[in-house]
Amino acid sequence: MKHEIQRTARIEARIAPETLALVRRAAEIQGRSVSDFVVAAARDAANKTMEETNIIRLSYEDQLRFVEALLNPPSPSPALLKAFQKNYELFGTE
């Protein structure tokens, strides 16, 4: 079952003839219109960009420091202990 896509905006772009030929051929291979192909490719690229912004990359040394902090956390500071106490007073939970 093919879903109908509601189109509400228009995008215009200038494209080199050889790039347009490539896009047309790729759209043809997928059985799509050029417009559908371009919209899908733009959506996929946008999703990939958004996903990449949610990934934290650490150097090897930073990964080791992170794991060390998880496995051997430092003792709570006085400020953290005070925050725990205040939380317990307000909510009765730890």
C-alpha atoms as a PDB file:
ATOM      1  CA  MET A   1       0.000   0.000   0.000  1.00  0.00           C
ATOM      2  CA  LYS A   2       1.521   3.290  -1.089  1.00  0.00           C
ATOM      3  CA  HIS A   3       1.187   6.207   1.314  1.00  0.00           C
ATOM      4  CA  GLU A   4       0.261   9.558  -0.152  1.00  0.00           C
ATOM      5  CA  ILE A   5       2.667  12.286   0.903  1.00  0.00           C
ATOM      6  CA  GLN A   6       1.180  15.688   1.565  1.00  0.00           C
ATOM      7  CA  ARG A   7       3.326  18.339  -0.050  1.00  0.00           C
ATOM      8  CA  THR A   8       3.205  21.728   1.613  1.00  0.00           C
ATOM      9  CA  ALA A   9       6.418  23.464   0.564  1.00  0.00           C
ATOM     10  CA  ARG A  10       8.564  23.799  -2.493  1.00  0.00           C
ATOM     11  CA  ILE A  11      12.366  23.759  -2.751  1.00  0.00           C
ATOM     12  CA  GLU A  12      14.270  24.945  -5.773  1.00  0.00           C
ATOM     13  CA  ALA A  13      17.902  24.165  -6.476  1.00  0.00           C
ATOM     14  CA  ARG A  14      20.327  24.692  -9.301  1.00  0.00           C
ATOM     15  CA  ILE A  15      22.046  21.488 -10.350  1.00  0.00           C
ATOM     16  CA  ALA A  16      24.749  20.690 -12.873  1.00  0.00           C
ATOM     17  CA  PRO A  17      23.458  18.760 -15.915  1.00  0.00           C
ATOM     18  CA  GLU A  18      25.657  15.725 -15.162  1.00  0.00           C
ATOM     19  CA  THR A  19      24.417  15.630 -11.568  1.00  0.00           C
ATOM     20  CA  LEU A  20      20.811  15.883 -12.756  1.00  0.00           C
ATOM     21  CA  ALA A  21      21.425  12.992 -15.150  1.00  0.00           C
ATOM     22  CA  LEU A  22      22.839  10.931 -12.277  1.00  0.00           C
ATOM     23  CA  VAL A  23      19.867  11.776 -10.023  1.00  0.00           C
ATOM     24  CA  ARG A  24      17.400  10.966 -12.810  1.00  0.00           C
ATOM     25  CA  ARG A  25      19.055   7.592 -13.406  1.00  0.00           C
ATOM     26  CA  ALA A  26      19.107   6.748  -9.692  1.00  0.00           C
ATOM     27  CA  ALA A  27      15.435   7.747  -9.349  1.00  0.00           C
ATOM     28  CA  GLU A  28      14.619   5.601 -12.359  1.00  0.00           C
ATOM     29  CA  ILE A  29      16.405   2.603 -10.828  1.00  0.00           C
ATOM     30  CA  GLN A  30      14.324   2.988  -7.663  1.00  0.00           C
ATOM     31  CA  GLY A  31      11.113   3.498  -9.627  1.00  0.00           C
ATOM     32  CA  ARG A  32      10.591   6.987  -8.211  1.00  0.00           C
ATOM     33  CA  SER A  33      10.100  10.397  -9.633  1.00  0.00           C
ATOM     34  CA  VAL A  34      13.094  12.727  -9.449  1.00  0.00           C
ATOM     35  CA  SER A  35      11.202  14.826  -6.920  1.00  0.00           C
ATOM     36  CA  ASP A  36      10.447  11.835  -4.658  1.00  0.00           C
ATOM     37  CA  PHE A  37      14.040  10.633  -4.962  1.00  0.00           C
ATOM     38  CA  VAL A  38      15.484  14.037  -4.042  1.00  0.00           C
ATOM     39  CA  VAL A  39      13.092  14.488  -1.108  1.00  0.00           C
ATOM     40  CA  ALA A  40      13.895  10.995   0.228  1.00  0.00           C
ATOM     41  CA  ALA A  41      17.644  11.560  -0.170  1.00  0.00           C
ATOM     42  CA  ALA A  42      17.410  14.938   1.580  1.00  0.00           C
ATOM     43  CA  ARG A  43      15.347  13.423   4.408  1.00  0.00           C
ATOM     44  CA  ASP A  44      17.838  10.559   4.827  1.00  0.00           C
ATOM     45  CA  ALA A  45      20.765  12.999   4.896  1.00  0.00           C
ATOM     46  CA  ALA A  46      18.969  15.213   7.409  1.00  0.00           C
ATOM     47  CA  ASN A  47      18.157  12.242   9.659  1.00  0.00           C
ATOM     48  CA  LYS A  48      21.773  11.054   9.494  1.00  0.00           C
ATOM     49  CA  THR A  49      23.029  14.531  10.397  1.00  0.00           C
ATOM     50  CA  MET A  50      20.629  14.746  13.342  1.00  0.00           C
ATOM     51  CA  GLU A  51      21.596  11.260  14.578  1.00  0.00           C
ATOM     52  CA  GLU A  52      25.294  12.108  14.377  1.00  0.00           C
ATOM     53  CA  THR A  53      24.775  15.097  16.652  1.00  0.00           C
ATOM     54  CA  ASN A  54      23.507  12.721  19.353  1.00  0.00           C
ATOM     55  CA  ILE A  55      26.612  10.546  19.283  1.00  0.00           C
ATOM     56  CA  ILE A  56      29.397  11.386  21.703  1.00  0.00           C
ATOM     57  CA  ARG A  57      32.824  10.496  20.409  1.00  0.00           C
ATOM     58  CA  LEU A  58      35.658  10.134  22.869  1.00  0.00           C
ATOM     59  CA  SER A  59      39.351   9.604  22.324  1.00  0.00           C
ATOM     60  CA  TYR A  60      40.780   6.354  23.625  1.00  0.00           C
ATOM     61  CA  GLU A  61      42.231   8.171  26.643  1.00  0.00           C
ATOM     62  CA  ASP A  62      38.873   9.830  27.393  1.00  0.00           C
ATOM     63  CA  GLN A  63      37.143   6.448  27.117  1.00  0.00           C
ATOM     64  CA  LEU A  64      39.537   5.049  29.709  1.00  0.00           C
ATOM     65  CA  ARG A  65      38.931   8.007  32.043  1.00  0.00           C
ATOM     66  CA  PHE A  66      35.161   7.616  31.641  1.00  0.00           C
ATOM     67  CA  VAL A  67      35.232   3.896  32.441  1.00  0.00           C
ATOM     68  CA  GLU A  68      37.562   4.511  35.399  1.00  0.00           C
ATOM     69  CA  ALA A  69      35.138   7.117  36.796  1.00  0.00           C
ATOM     70  CA  LEU A  70      32.253   4.641  36.429  1.00  0.00           C
ATOM     71  CA  LEU A  71      34.122   1.752  38.014  1.00  0.00           C
ATOM     72  CA  ASN A  72      35.805   3.789  40.727  1.00  0.00           C
ATOM     73  CA  PRO A  73      33.735   6.921  41.317  1.00  0.00           C
ATOM     74  CA  PRO A  74      35.201   9.628  43.521  1.00  0.00           C
ATOM     75  CA  SER A  75      33.773  10.204  46.992  1.00  0.00           C
ATOM     76  CA  PRO A  76      30.822  12.596  47.020  1.00  0.00           C
ATOM     77  CA  SER A  77      31.756  16.221  47.595  1.00  0.00           C
ATOM     78  CA  PRO A  78      30.220  18.216  50.471  1.00  0.00           C
ATOM     79  CA  ALA A  79      27.975  20.017  47.960  1.00  0.00           C
ATOM     80  CA  LEU A  80      26.693  16.693  46.586  1.00  0.00           C
ATOM     81  CA  LEU A  81      26.052  15.367  50.100  1.00  0.00           C
ATOM     82  CA  LYS A  82      24.104  18.545  50.883  1.00  0.00           C
ATOM     83  CA  ALA A  83      22.065  18.105  47.694  1.00  0.00           C
ATOM     84  CA  PHE A  84      21.265  14.488  48.636  1.00  0.00           C
ATOM     85  CA  GLN A  85      20.134  15.632  52.097  1.00  0.00           C
ATOM     86  CA  LYS A  86      17.947  18.386  50.613  1.00  0.00           C
ATOM     87  CA  ASN A  87      16.425  15.901  48.143  1.00  0.00           C
ATOM     88  CA  TYR A  88      15.639  13.509  50.998  1.00  0.00           C
ATOM     89  CA  GLU A  89      14.038  16.298  53.031  1.00  0.00           C
ATOM     90  CA  LEU A  90      11.889  17.435  50.095  1.00  0.00           C
ATOM     91  CA  PHE A  91      10.935  14.083  48.582  1.00  0.00           C
ATOM     92  CA  GLY A  92      11.789  11.442  51.156  1.00  0.00           C
ATOM     93  CA  THR A  93      13.777   9.446  48.624  1.00  0.00           C
ATOM     94  CA  GLU A  94      17.417   8.980  47.904  1.00  0.00           C
END
